[in-house]
Amino acid sequence: MFGNLGMWEVLILLFIVLLLFGAKRLPEIGGSLGKGIREFKGSLKEVEGEFREISKAADPNIETKTNTEREKQEQNST
């Protein structure tokens, strides 16, 4: 599950986090963590698009996937 951590270790860690931050603060922390991950993924897609444009300009014969093909592939993987 989490490398070498067993179920009891994970439960203890979650309990300690609950004690440190409190039940009211945990949803806020989770939301901000999710927002950060979404922004990171968006930045990665933006950089990937820039690299594709550069590679396509350097060699127009390179085949790249269209956005719709990439979106379909992402939907199938999730």
PDB file of N, CA and C in Angstrom:
ATOM      1  N   MET A   1       0.832  -1.193   0.000  1.00  0.00           N
ATOM      2  CA  MET A   1       0.000   0.000   0.000  1.00  0.00           C
ATOM      3  C   MET A   1       0.874   1.253   0.000  1.00  0.00           C
ATOM      4  N   PHE A   2       1.658   1.462   1.025  1.00  0.00           N
ATOM      5  CA  PHE A   2       2.546   2.617   1.107  1.00  0.00           C
ATOM      6  C   PHE A   2       3.978   2.148   1.315  1.00  0.00           C
ATOM      7  N   GLY A   3       4.474   1.348   0.410  1.00  0.00           N
ATOM      8  CA  GLY A   3       5.836   0.856   0.541  1.00  0.00           C
ATOM      9  C   GLY A   3       5.916  -0.196   1.628  1.00  0.00           C
ATOM     10  N   ASN A   4       6.749   0.047   2.620  1.00  0.00           N
ATOM     11  CA  ASN A   4       6.943  -0.910   3.707  1.00  0.00           C
ATOM     12  C   ASN A   4       6.007  -0.664   4.877  1.00  0.00           C
ATOM     13  N   LEU A   5       5.106   0.314   4.772  1.00  0.00           N
ATOM     14  CA  LEU A   5       4.181   0.594   5.865  1.00  0.00           C
ATOM     15  C   LEU A   5       2.994  -0.356   5.810  1.00  0.00           C
ATOM     16  N   GLY A   6       2.673  -0.920   6.950  1.00  0.00           N
ATOM     17  CA  GLY A   6       1.516  -1.794   7.043  1.00  0.00           C
ATOM     18  C   GLY A   6       0.264  -0.996   7.341  1.00  0.00           C
ATOM     19  N   MET A   7      -0.854  -1.709   7.481  1.00  0.00           N
ATOM     20  CA  MET A   7      -2.118  -1.042   7.722  1.00  0.00           C
ATOM     21  C   MET A   7      -2.124  -0.332   9.074  1.00  0.00           C
ATOM     22  N   TRP A   8      -1.558  -0.942  10.087  1.00  0.00           N
ATOM     23  CA  TRP A   8      -1.561  -0.326  11.415  1.00  0.00           C
ATOM     24  C   TRP A   8      -0.722   0.946  11.447  1.00  0.00           C
ATOM     25  N   GLU A   9       0.416   0.927  10.768  1.00  0.00           N
ATOM     26  CA  GLU A   9       1.261   2.127  10.732  1.00  0.00           C
ATOM     27  C   GLU A   9       0.540   3.285  10.044  1.00  0.00           C
ATOM     28  N   VAL A  10      -0.161   2.975   8.947  1.00  0.00           N
ATOM     29  CA  VAL A  10      -0.899   4.011   8.228  1.00  0.00           C
ATOM     30  C   VAL A  10      -2.015   4.567   9.108  1.00  0.00           C
ATOM     31  N   LEU A  11      -2.731   3.687   9.807  1.00  0.00           N
ATOM     32  CA  LEU A  11      -3.797   4.144  10.700  1.00  0.00           C
ATOM     33  C   LEU A  11      -3.255   5.021  11.824  1.00  0.00           C
ATOM     34  N   ILE A  12      -2.116   4.653  12.378  1.00  0.00           N
ATOM     35  CA  ILE A  12      -1.500   5.463  13.438  1.00  0.00           C
ATOM     36  C   ILE A  12      -1.106   6.828  12.892  1.00  0.00           C
ATOM     37  N   LEU A  13      -0.517   6.860  11.690  1.00  0.00           N
ATOM     38  CA  LEU A  13      -0.138   8.141  11.081  1.00  0.00           C
ATOM     39  C   LEU A  13      -1.361   9.014  10.831  1.00  0.00           C
ATOM     40  N   LEU A  14      -2.445   8.422  10.331  1.00  0.00           N
ATOM     41  CA  LEU A  14      -3.669   9.188  10.103  1.00  0.00           C
ATOM     42  C   LEU A  14      -4.246   9.724  11.410  1.00  0.00           C
ATOM     43  N   PHE A  15      -4.164   8.946  12.465  1.00  0.00           N
ATOM     44  CA  PHE A  15      -4.639   9.390  13.769  1.00  0.00           C
ATOM     45  C   PHE A  15      -3.801  10.563  14.292  1.00  0.00           C
ATOM     46  N   ILE A  16      -2.505  10.495  14.103  1.00  0.00           N
ATOM     47  CA  ILE A  16      -1.618  11.589  14.540  1.00  0.00           C
ATOM     48  C   ILE A  16      -1.917  12.858  13.742  1.00  0.00           C
ATOM     49  N   VAL A  17      -2.136  12.715  12.434  1.00  0.00           N
ATOM     50  CA  VAL A  17      -2.482  13.876  11.609  1.00  0.00           C
ATOM     51  C   VAL A  17      -3.807  14.470  12.067  1.00  0.00           C
ATOM     52  N   LEU A  18      -4.755  13.621  12.385  1.00  0.00           N
ATOM     53  CA  LEU A  18      -6.046  14.092  12.882  1.00  0.00           C
ATOM     54  C   LEU A  18      -5.880  14.851  14.191  1.00  0.00           C
ATOM     55  N   LEU A  19      -5.031  14.359  15.072  1.00  0.00           N
ATOM     56  CA  LEU A  19      -4.787  15.052  16.343  1.00  0.00           C
ATOM     57  C   LEU A  19      -4.088  16.393  16.136  1.00  0.00           C
ATOM     58  N   LEU A  20      -3.130  16.433  15.218  1.00  0.00           N
ATOM     59  CA  LEU A  20      -2.362  17.663  14.988  1.00  0.00           C
ATOM     60  C   LEU A  20      -3.200  18.759  14.340  1.00  0.00           C
ATOM     61  N   PHE A  21      -3.976  18.412  13.328  1.00  0.00           N
ATOM     62  CA  PHE A  21      -4.682  19.424  12.557  1.00  0.00           C
ATOM     63  C   PHE A  21      -6.147  19.579  12.935  1.00  0.00           C
ATOM     64  N   GLY A  22      -6.743  18.576  13.509  1.00  0.00           N
ATOM     65  CA  GLY A  22      -8.145  18.663  13.891  1.00  0.00           C
ATOM     66  C   GLY A  22      -9.069  18.292  12.742  1.00  0.00           C
ATOM     67  N   ALA A  23     -10.277  17.887  13.099  1.00  0.00           N
ATOM     68  CA  ALA A  23     -11.232  17.413  12.095  1.00  0.00           C
ATOM     69  C   ALA A  23     -11.713  18.540  11.186  1.00  0.00           C
ATOM     70  N   LYS A  24     -11.776  19.765  11.689  1.00  0.00           N
ATOM     71  CA  LYS A  24     -12.264  20.881  10.869  1.00  0.00           C
ATOM     72  C   LYS A  24     -11.255  21.287   9.807  1.00  0.00           C
ATOM     73  N   ARG A  25      -9.995  21.117  10.086  1.00  0.00           N
ATOM     74  CA  ARG A  25      -8.942  21.583   9.182  1.00  0.00           C
ATOM     75  C   ARG A  25      -8.594  20.566   8.094  1.00  0.00           C
ATOM     76  N   LEU A  26      -8.865  19.278   8.327  1.00  0.00           N
ATOM     77  CA  LEU A  26      -8.488  18.246   7.359  1.00  0.00           C
ATOM     78  C   LEU A  26      -9.137  18.430   5.983  1.00  0.00           C
ATOM     79  N   PRO A  27     -10.441  18.740   5.864  1.00  0.00           N
ATOM     80  CA  PRO A  27     -11.002  18.957   4.521  1.00  0.00           C
ATOM     81  C   PRO A  27     -10.342  20.133   3.791  1.00  0.00           C
ATOM     82  N   GLU A  28      -9.991  21.163   4.531  1.00  0.00           N
ATOM     83  CA  GLU A  28      -9.308  22.320   3.935  1.00  0.00           C
ATOM     84  C   GLU A  28      -7.943  21.914   3.396  1.00  0.00           C
ATOM     85  N   ILE A  29      -7.222  21.119   4.164  1.00  0.00           N
ATOM     86  CA  ILE A  29      -5.898  20.655   3.737  1.00  0.00           C
ATOM     87  C   ILE A  29      -6.027  19.764   2.507  1.00  0.00           C
ATOM     88  N   GLY A  30      -7.016  18.863   2.529  1.00  0.00           N
ATOM     89  CA  GLY A  30      -7.232  17.984   1.383  1.00  0.00           C
ATOM     90  C   GLY A  30      -7.610  18.754   0.127  1.00  0.00           C
ATOM     91  N   GLY A  31      -8.447  19.766   0.294  1.00  0.00           N
ATOM     92  CA  GLY A  31      -8.843  20.581  -0.858  1.00  0.00           C
ATOM     93  C   GLY A  31      -7.676  21.340  -1.458  1.00  0.00           C
ATOM     94  N   SER A  32      -6.852  21.917  -0.601  1.00  0.00           N
ATOM     95  CA  SER A  32      -5.700  22.661  -1.120  1.00  0.00           C
ATOM     96  C   SER A  32      -4.679  21.727  -1.752  1.00  0.00           C
ATOM     97  N   LEU A  33      -4.543  20.531  -1.204  1.00  0.00           N
ATOM     98  CA  LEU A  33      -3.641  19.551  -1.802  1.00  0.00           C
ATOM     99  C   LEU A  33      -4.149  19.142  -3.186  1.00  0.00           C
ATOM    100  N   GLY A  34      -5.455  18.895  -3.308  1.00  0.00           N
ATOM    101  CA  GLY A  34      -6.038  18.541  -4.600  1.00  0.00           C
ATOM    102  C   GLY A  34      -5.887  19.657  -5.615  1.00  0.00           C
ATOM    103  N   LYS A  35      -6.083  20.897  -5.177  1.00  0.00           N
ATOM    104  CA  LYS A  35      -5.936  22.042  -6.070  1.00  0.00           C
ATOM    105  C   LYS A  35      -4.495  22.152  -6.561  1.00  0.00           C
ATOM    106  N   GLY A  36      -3.550  21.925  -5.675  1.00  0.00           N
ATOM    107  CA  GLY A  36      -2.139  21.977  -6.058  1.00  0.00           C
ATOM    108  C   GLY A  36      -1.787  20.906  -7.073  1.00  0.00           C
ATOM    109  N   ILE A  37      -2.340  19.712  -6.876  1.00  0.00           N
ATOM    110  CA  ILE A  37      -2.076  18.627  -7.823  1.00  0.00           C
ATOM    111  C   ILE A  37      -2.667  18.947  -9.188  1.00  0.00           C
ATOM    112  N   ARG A  38      -3.892  19.501  -9.219  1.00  0.00           N
ATOM    113  CA  ARG A  38      -4.519  19.875 -10.499  1.00  0.00           C
ATOM    114  C   ARG A  38      -3.688  20.935 -11.221  1.00  0.00           C
ATOM    115  N   GLU A  39      -3.201  21.928 -10.478  1.00  0.00           N
ATOM    116  CA  GLU A  39      -2.369  22.973 -11.100  1.00  0.00           C
ATOM    117  C   GLU A  39      -1.078  22.389 -11.645  1.00  0.00           C
ATOM    118  N   PHE A  40      -0.497  21.456 -10.913  1.00  0.00           N
ATOM    119  CA  PHE A  40       0.737  20.820 -11.355  1.00  0.00           C
ATOM    120  C   PHE A  40       0.501  20.040 -12.644  1.00  0.00           C
ATOM    121  N   LYS A  41      -0.597  19.277 -12.705  1.00  0.00           N
ATOM    122  CA  LYS A  41      -0.908  18.530 -13.920  1.00  0.00           C
ATOM    123  C   LYS A  41      -1.148  19.462 -15.094  1.00  0.00           C
ATOM    124  N   GLY A  42      -1.835  20.580 -14.846  1.00  0.00           N
ATOM    125  CA  GLY A  42      -2.073  21.554 -15.910  1.00  0.00           C
ATOM    126  C   GLY A  42      -0.776  22.136 -16.438  1.00  0.00           C
ATOM    127  N   SER A  43       0.148  22.423 -15.540  1.00  0.00           N
ATOM    128  CA  SER A  43       1.451  22.951 -15.962  1.00  0.00           C
ATOM    129  C   SER A  43       2.216  21.923 -16.773  1.00  0.00           C
ATOM    130  N   LEU A  44       2.138  20.659 -16.358  1.00  0.00           N
ATOM    131  CA  LEU A  44       2.824  19.610 -17.114  1.00  0.00           C
ATOM    132  C   LEU A  44       2.264  19.495 -18.525  1.00  0.00           C
ATOM    133  N   LYS A  45       0.934  19.572 -18.658  1.00  0.00           N
ATOM    134  CA  LYS A  45       0.319  19.497 -19.984  1.00  0.00           C
ATOM    135  C   LYS A  45       0.734  20.686 -20.847  1.00  0.00           C
ATOM    136  N   GLU A  46       0.842  21.856 -20.218  1.00  0.00           N
ATOM    137  CA  GLU A  46       1.256  23.055 -20.952  1.00  0.00           C
ATOM    138  C   GLU A  46       2.683  22.902 -21.466  1.00  0.00           C
ATOM    139  N   VAL A  47       3.574  22.420 -20.622  1.00  0.00           N
ATOM    140  CA  VAL A  47       4.968  22.229 -21.027  1.00  0.00           C
ATOM    141  C   VAL A  47       5.052  21.145 -22.099  1.00  0.00           C
ATOM    142  N   GLU A  48       4.260  20.088 -21.945  1.00  0.00           N
ATOM    143  CA  GLU A  48       4.246  19.021 -22.942  1.00  0.00           C
ATOM    144  C   GLU A  48       3.803  19.567 -24.300  1.00  0.00           C
ATOM    145  N   GLY A  49       2.801  20.436 -24.301  1.00  0.00           N
ATOM    146  CA  GLY A  49       2.334  21.041 -25.543  1.00  0.00           C
ATOM    147  C   GLY A  49       3.403  21.900 -26.200  1.00  0.00           C
ATOM    148  N   GLU A  50       4.144  22.629 -25.372  1.00  0.00           N
ATOM    149  CA  GLU A  50       5.227  23.454 -25.920  1.00  0.00           C
ATOM    150  C   GLU A  50       6.308  22.590 -26.549  1.00  0.00           C
ATOM    151  N   PHE A  51       6.655  21.477 -25.898  1.00  0.00           N
ATOM    152  CA  PHE A  51       7.659  20.580 -26.462  1.00  0.00           C
ATOM    153  C   PHE A  51       7.177  19.955 -27.762  1.00  0.00           C
ATOM    154  N   ARG A  52       5.896  19.624 -27.812  1.00  0.00           N
ATOM    155  CA  ARG A  52       5.353  19.063 -29.049  1.00  0.00           C
ATOM    156  C   ARG A  52       5.430  20.085 -30.185  1.00  0.00           C
ATOM    157  N   GLU A  53       5.104  21.349 -29.889  1.00  0.00           N
ATOM    158  CA  GLU A  53       5.183  22.396 -30.914  1.00  0.00           C
ATOM    159  C   GLU A  53       6.610  22.566 -31.405  1.00  0.00           C
ATOM    160  N   ILE A  54       7.560  22.556 -30.482  1.00  0.00           N
ATOM    161  CA  ILE A  54       8.964  22.723 -30.858  1.00  0.00           C
ATOM    162  C   ILE A  54       9.432  21.552 -31.706  1.00  0.00           C
ATOM    163  N   SER A  55       9.085  20.327 -31.284  1.00  0.00           N
ATOM    164  CA  SER A  55       9.521  19.157 -32.044  1.00  0.00           C
ATOM    165  C   SER A  55       8.842  19.097 -33.406  1.00  0.00           C
ATOM    166  N   LYS A  56       7.583  19.529 -33.456  1.00  0.00           N
ATOM    167  CA  LYS A  56       6.867  19.534 -34.732  1.00  0.00           C
ATOM    168  C   LYS A  56       7.466  20.580 -35.675  1.00  0.00           C
ATOM    169  N   ALA A  57       7.874  21.725 -35.127  1.00  0.00           N
ATOM    170  CA  ALA A  57       8.491  22.759 -35.959  1.00  0.00           C
ATOM    171  C   ALA A  57       9.857  22.294 -36.461  1.00  0.00           C
ATOM    172  N   ALA A  58      10.580  21.531 -35.626  1.00  0.00           N
ATOM    173  CA  ALA A  58      11.903  21.055 -36.035  1.00  0.00           C
ATOM    174  C   ALA A  58      11.796  19.970 -37.096  1.00  0.00           C
ATOM    175  N   ASP A  59      10.815  19.080 -36.959  1.00  0.00           N
ATOM    176  CA  ASP A  59      10.631  17.997 -37.910  1.00  0.00           C
ATOM    177  C   ASP A  59       9.138  17.789 -38.136  1.00  0.00           C
ATOM    178  N   PRO A  60       8.575  18.335 -39.194  1.00  0.00           N
ATOM    179  CA  PRO A  60       7.130  18.249 -39.430  1.00  0.00           C
ATOM    180  C   PRO A  60       6.627  16.829 -39.676  1.00  0.00           C
ATOM    181  N   ASN A  61       7.530  15.872 -39.929  1.00  0.00           N
ATOM    182  CA  ASN A  61       7.122  14.500 -40.192  1.00  0.00           C
ATOM    183  C   ASN A  61       6.832  13.719 -38.909  1.00  0.00           C
ATOM    184  N   ILE A  62       7.125  14.315 -37.761  1.00  0.00           N
ATOM    185  CA  ILE A  62       6.868  13.639 -36.485  1.00  0.00           C
ATOM    186  C   ILE A  62       5.371  13.610 -36.251  1.00  0.00           C
ATOM    187  N   GLU A  63       4.855  12.409 -35.957  1.00  0.00           N
ATOM    188  CA  GLU A  63       3.427  12.270 -35.682  1.00  0.00           C
ATOM    189  C   GLU A  63       3.187  12.512 -34.200  1.00  0.00           C
ATOM    190  N   THR A  64       2.254  13.388 -33.907  1.00  0.00           N
ATOM    191  CA  THR A  64       1.878  13.637 -32.517  1.00  0.00           C
ATOM    192  C   THR A  64       0.399  13.356 -32.354  1.00  0.00           C
ATOM    193  N   LYS A  65       0.027  12.956 -31.169  1.00  0.00           N
ATOM    194  CA  LYS A  65      -1.375  12.675 -30.887  1.00  0.00           C
ATOM    195  C   LYS A  65      -2.137  13.985 -30.763  1.00  0.00           C
ATOM    196  N   THR A  66      -3.369  13.972 -31.231  1.00  0.00           N
ATOM    197  CA  THR A  66      -4.204  15.150 -31.084  1.00  0.00           C
ATOM    198  C   THR A  66      -4.736  15.212 -29.663  1.00  0.00           C
ATOM    199  N   ASN A  67      -5.284  16.343 -29.287  1.00  0.00           N
ATOM    200  CA  ASN A  67      -5.829  16.507 -27.945  1.00  0.00           C
ATOM    201  C   ASN A  67      -6.946  15.510 -27.670  1.00  0.00           C
ATOM    202  N   THR A  68      -7.798  15.261 -28.663  1.00  0.00           N
ATOM    203  CA  THR A  68      -8.914  14.338 -28.434  1.00  0.00           C
ATOM    204  C   THR A  68      -8.401  12.920 -28.219  1.00  0.00           C
ATOM    205  N   GLU A  69      -7.386  12.515 -28.957  1.00  0.00           N
ATOM    206  CA  GLU A  69      -6.820  11.181 -28.754  1.00  0.00           C
ATOM    207  C   GLU A  69      -6.199  11.072 -27.367  1.00  0.00           C
ATOM    208  N   ARG A  70      -5.502  12.116 -26.937  1.00  0.00           N
ATOM    209  CA  ARG A  70      -4.866  12.118 -25.617  1.00  0.00           C
ATOM    210  C   ARG A  70      -5.923  12.103 -24.514  1.00  0.00           C
ATOM    211  N   GLU A  71      -7.016  12.857 -24.690  1.00  0.00           N
ATOM    212  CA  GLU A  71      -8.080  12.877 -23.697  1.00  0.00           C
ATOM    213  C   GLU A  71      -8.756  11.515 -23.589  1.00  0.00           C
ATOM    214  N   LYS A  72      -8.988  10.862 -24.727  1.00  0.00           N
ATOM    215  CA  LYS A  72      -9.572   9.529 -24.703  1.00  0.00           C
ATOM    216  C   LYS A  72      -8.656   8.547 -23.961  1.00  0.00           C
ATOM    217  N   GLN A  73      -7.369   8.654 -24.216  1.00  0.00           N
ATOM    218  CA  GLN A  73      -6.409   7.780 -23.571  1.00  0.00           C
ATOM    219  C   GLN A  73      -6.369   8.025 -22.063  1.00  0.00           C
ATOM    220  N   GLU A  74      -6.451   9.293 -21.650  1.00  0.00           N
ATOM    221  CA  GLU A  74      -6.460   9.629 -20.230  1.00  0.00           C
ATOM    222  C   GLU A  74      -7.725   9.111 -19.562  1.00  0.00           C
ATOM    223  N   GLN A  75      -8.862   9.212 -20.242  1.00  0.00           N
ATOM    224  CA  GLN A  75     -10.113   8.725 -19.685  1.00  0.00           C
ATOM    225  C   GLN A  75     -10.100   7.214 -19.526  1.00  0.00           C
ATOM    226  N   ASN A  76      -9.482   6.524 -20.464  1.00  0.00           N
ATOM    227  CA  ASN A  76      -9.395   5.071 -20.378  1.00  0.00           C
ATOM    228  C   ASN A  76      -8.448   4.627 -19.273  1.00  0.00           C
ATOM    229  N   SER A  77      -7.438   5.420 -18.984  1.00  0.00           N
ATOM    230  CA  SER A  77      -6.475   5.039 -17.949  1.00  0.00           C
ATOM    231  C   SER A  77      -6.992   5.305 -16.549  1.00  0.00           C
ATOM    232  N   THR A  78      -7.976   6.210 -16.399  1.00  0.00           N
ATOM    233  CA  THR A  78      -8.514   6.503 -15.062  1.00  0.00           C
ATOM    234  C   THR A  78      -9.729   5.721 -14.741  1.00  0.00           C
TER     235      THR A  78
END
